[in-house]
Amino acid sequence: MNDMKMNESLVFDACALVEQISKMTNIEAMQAKADFAAYLLNQAMEEGEKVEENRCSMD
């Protein structure tokens, strides 16, 4: 499997949101944070795919 570079800041922020969710009781607020965490992780993956594509095109 190839290594993929991802925006570590986005991943870290998503993990921090998950940690906050684990301490919450309001379902609507939990869902909002979970949705934003998923968004951040998707952004990190998309950026990583772009980096990987650019790297592959240079090979």
N, C-alpha and C. Protein backbone atom coordinates (compact mmCIF):
# COMPACT_ATOMS: atom_id res chain seq x y z
N MET A 1 0.84 -1.18 0.00
CA MET A 1 0.00 0.00 0.00
C MET A 1 0.89 1.24 0.00
N ASN A 2 0.51 2.21 -0.81
CA ASN A 2 1.27 3.45 -0.90
C ASN A 2 0.99 4.35 0.29
N ASP A 3 2.01 5.08 0.69
CA ASP A 3 1.81 6.09 1.73
C ASP A 3 1.11 7.28 1.11
N MET A 4 0.23 7.89 1.88
CA MET A 4 -0.47 9.07 1.40
C MET A 4 -0.24 10.20 2.39
N LYS A 5 0.09 11.35 1.85
CA LYS A 5 0.26 12.51 2.72
C LYS A 5 -1.10 13.15 2.93
N MET A 6 -1.37 13.50 4.18
CA MET A 6 -2.63 14.17 4.50
C MET A 6 -2.33 15.40 5.34
N ASN A 7 -3.24 16.30 5.33
CA ASN A 7 -3.13 17.50 6.15
C ASN A 7 -3.33 17.09 7.61
N GLU A 8 -2.24 16.99 8.33
CA GLU A 8 -2.30 16.52 9.72
C GLU A 8 -3.12 17.45 10.61
N SER A 9 -3.14 18.71 10.29
CA SER A 9 -3.90 19.67 11.08
C SER A 9 -5.40 19.36 11.01
N LEU A 10 -5.88 19.04 9.81
CA LEU A 10 -7.30 18.70 9.66
C LEU A 10 -7.64 17.41 10.41
N VAL A 11 -6.76 16.43 10.33
CA VAL A 11 -6.98 15.17 11.03
C VAL A 11 -6.99 15.41 12.54
N PHE A 12 -6.05 16.20 13.02
CA PHE A 12 -5.98 16.51 14.45
C PHE A 12 -7.26 17.21 14.91
N ASP A 13 -7.73 18.18 14.12
CA ASP A 13 -8.95 18.90 14.49
C ASP A 13 -10.15 17.95 14.53
N ALA A 14 -10.23 17.03 13.58
CA ALA A 14 -11.32 16.06 13.57
C ALA A 14 -11.26 15.16 14.80
N CYS A 15 -10.07 14.74 15.18
CA CYS A 15 -9.91 13.91 16.38
C CYS A 15 -10.32 14.67 17.63
N ALA A 16 -10.00 15.95 17.68
CA ALA A 16 -10.39 16.77 18.84
C ALA A 16 -11.91 16.86 18.93
N LEU A 17 -12.58 16.97 17.79
CA LEU A 17 -14.04 17.00 17.80
C LEU A 17 -14.61 15.68 18.30
N VAL A 18 -14.04 14.57 17.89
CA VAL A 18 -14.50 13.26 18.35
C VAL A 18 -14.33 13.14 19.85
N GLU A 19 -13.23 13.65 20.36
CA GLU A 19 -13.00 13.63 21.81
C GLU A 19 -14.07 14.45 22.53
N GLN A 20 -14.42 15.60 21.97
CA GLN A 20 -15.47 16.42 22.57
C GLN A 20 -16.81 15.70 22.54
N ILE A 21 -17.10 15.03 21.44
CA ILE A 21 -18.38 14.31 21.30
C ILE A 21 -18.53 13.25 22.38
N SER A 22 -17.43 12.60 22.73
CA SER A 22 -17.50 11.52 23.71
C SER A 22 -17.94 12.00 25.09
N LYS A 23 -17.86 13.32 25.31
CA LYS A 23 -18.23 13.88 26.62
C LYS A 23 -19.57 14.62 26.58
N MET A 24 -20.26 14.55 25.44
CA MET A 24 -21.49 15.31 25.27
C MET A 24 -22.73 14.45 25.48
N THR A 25 -23.85 15.12 25.74
CA THR A 25 -25.12 14.41 25.88
C THR A 25 -26.19 14.93 24.92
N ASN A 26 -26.01 16.12 24.38
CA ASN A 26 -26.97 16.71 23.44
C ASN A 26 -26.78 16.09 22.06
N ILE A 27 -27.77 15.29 21.64
CA ILE A 27 -27.65 14.56 20.38
C ILE A 27 -27.48 15.48 19.18
N GLU A 28 -28.21 16.57 19.14
CA GLU A 28 -28.11 17.49 18.00
C GLU A 28 -26.73 18.11 17.91
N ALA A 29 -26.17 18.51 19.04
CA ALA A 29 -24.83 19.08 19.05
C ALA A 29 -23.79 18.03 18.69
N MET A 30 -24.02 16.79 19.16
CA MET A 30 -23.10 15.70 18.81
C MET A 30 -23.11 15.46 17.30
N GLN A 31 -24.30 15.47 16.71
CA GLN A 31 -24.42 15.25 15.27
C GLN A 31 -23.72 16.35 14.48
N ALA A 32 -23.89 17.59 14.93
CA ALA A 32 -23.24 18.71 14.25
C ALA A 32 -21.72 18.57 14.30
N LYS A 33 -21.19 18.21 15.46
CA LYS A 33 -19.73 18.04 15.57
C LYS A 33 -19.26 16.83 14.76
N ALA A 34 -20.05 15.77 14.76
CA ALA A 34 -19.69 14.58 13.98
C ALA A 34 -19.69 14.89 12.49
N ASP A 35 -20.68 15.65 12.04
CA ASP A 35 -20.73 16.05 10.63
C ASP A 35 -19.50 16.88 10.26
N PHE A 36 -19.12 17.80 11.15
CA PHE A 36 -17.95 18.64 10.85
C PHE A 36 -16.67 17.82 10.90
N ALA A 37 -16.57 16.87 11.81
CA ALA A 37 -15.40 15.99 11.87
C ALA A 37 -15.28 15.19 10.58
N ALA A 38 -16.41 14.68 10.09
CA ALA A 38 -16.40 13.93 8.83
C ALA A 38 -15.97 14.83 7.68
N TYR A 39 -16.45 16.06 7.67
CA TYR A 39 -16.06 17.02 6.64
C TYR A 39 -14.54 17.24 6.66
N LEU A 40 -13.99 17.45 7.86
CA LEU A 40 -12.55 17.69 7.98
C LEU A 40 -11.74 16.49 7.49
N LEU A 41 -12.19 15.28 7.86
CA LEU A 41 -11.48 14.08 7.41
C LEU A 41 -11.58 13.91 5.90
N ASN A 42 -12.73 14.21 5.33
CA ASN A 42 -12.86 14.14 3.87
C ASN A 42 -11.95 15.14 3.18
N GLN A 43 -11.86 16.35 3.75
CA GLN A 43 -10.95 17.36 3.21
C GLN A 43 -9.51 16.86 3.25
N ALA A 44 -9.12 16.29 4.37
CA ALA A 44 -7.75 15.78 4.51
C ALA A 44 -7.48 14.69 3.48
N MET A 45 -8.45 13.80 3.26
CA MET A 45 -8.28 12.73 2.28
C MET A 45 -8.19 13.30 0.86
N GLU A 46 -9.07 14.25 0.54
CA GLU A 46 -9.04 14.85 -0.80
C GLU A 46 -7.72 15.55 -1.07
N GLU A 47 -7.22 16.28 -0.09
CA GLU A 47 -5.92 16.94 -0.25
C GLU A 47 -4.82 15.91 -0.43
N GLY A 48 -4.90 14.83 0.33
CA GLY A 48 -3.92 13.76 0.21
C GLY A 48 -3.95 13.10 -1.15
N GLU A 49 -5.14 12.91 -1.70
CA GLU A 49 -5.28 12.31 -3.03
C GLU A 49 -4.68 13.22 -4.08
N LYS A 50 -4.87 14.54 -3.94
CA LYS A 50 -4.30 15.49 -4.89
C LYS A 50 -2.78 15.44 -4.84
N VAL A 51 -2.23 15.36 -3.63
CA VAL A 51 -0.77 15.27 -3.48
C VAL A 51 -0.27 13.99 -4.11
N GLU A 52 -0.98 12.89 -3.88
CA GLU A 52 -0.59 11.59 -4.42
C GLU A 52 -0.65 11.61 -5.95
N GLU A 53 -1.72 12.20 -6.51
CA GLU A 53 -1.84 12.29 -7.97
C GLU A 53 -0.70 13.11 -8.56
N ASN A 54 -0.38 14.23 -7.94
CA ASN A 54 0.70 15.07 -8.43
C ASN A 54 2.03 14.34 -8.35
N ARG A 55 2.24 13.60 -7.28
CA ARG A 55 3.48 12.85 -7.11
C ARG A 55 3.59 11.75 -8.16
N CYS A 56 2.49 11.08 -8.43
CA CYS A 56 2.50 10.00 -9.42
C CYS A 56 2.74 10.54 -10.83
N SER A 57 2.21 11.70 -11.12
CA SER A 57 2.39 12.28 -12.46
C SER A 57 3.82 12.74 -12.67
N MET A 58 4.57 12.95 -11.60
CA MET A 58 5.96 13.38 -11.70
C MET A 58 6.90 12.19 -11.88
N ASP A 59 6.42 11.00 -11.51
CA ASP A 59 7.29 9.80 -11.63
C ASP A 59 7.54 9.40 -13.04
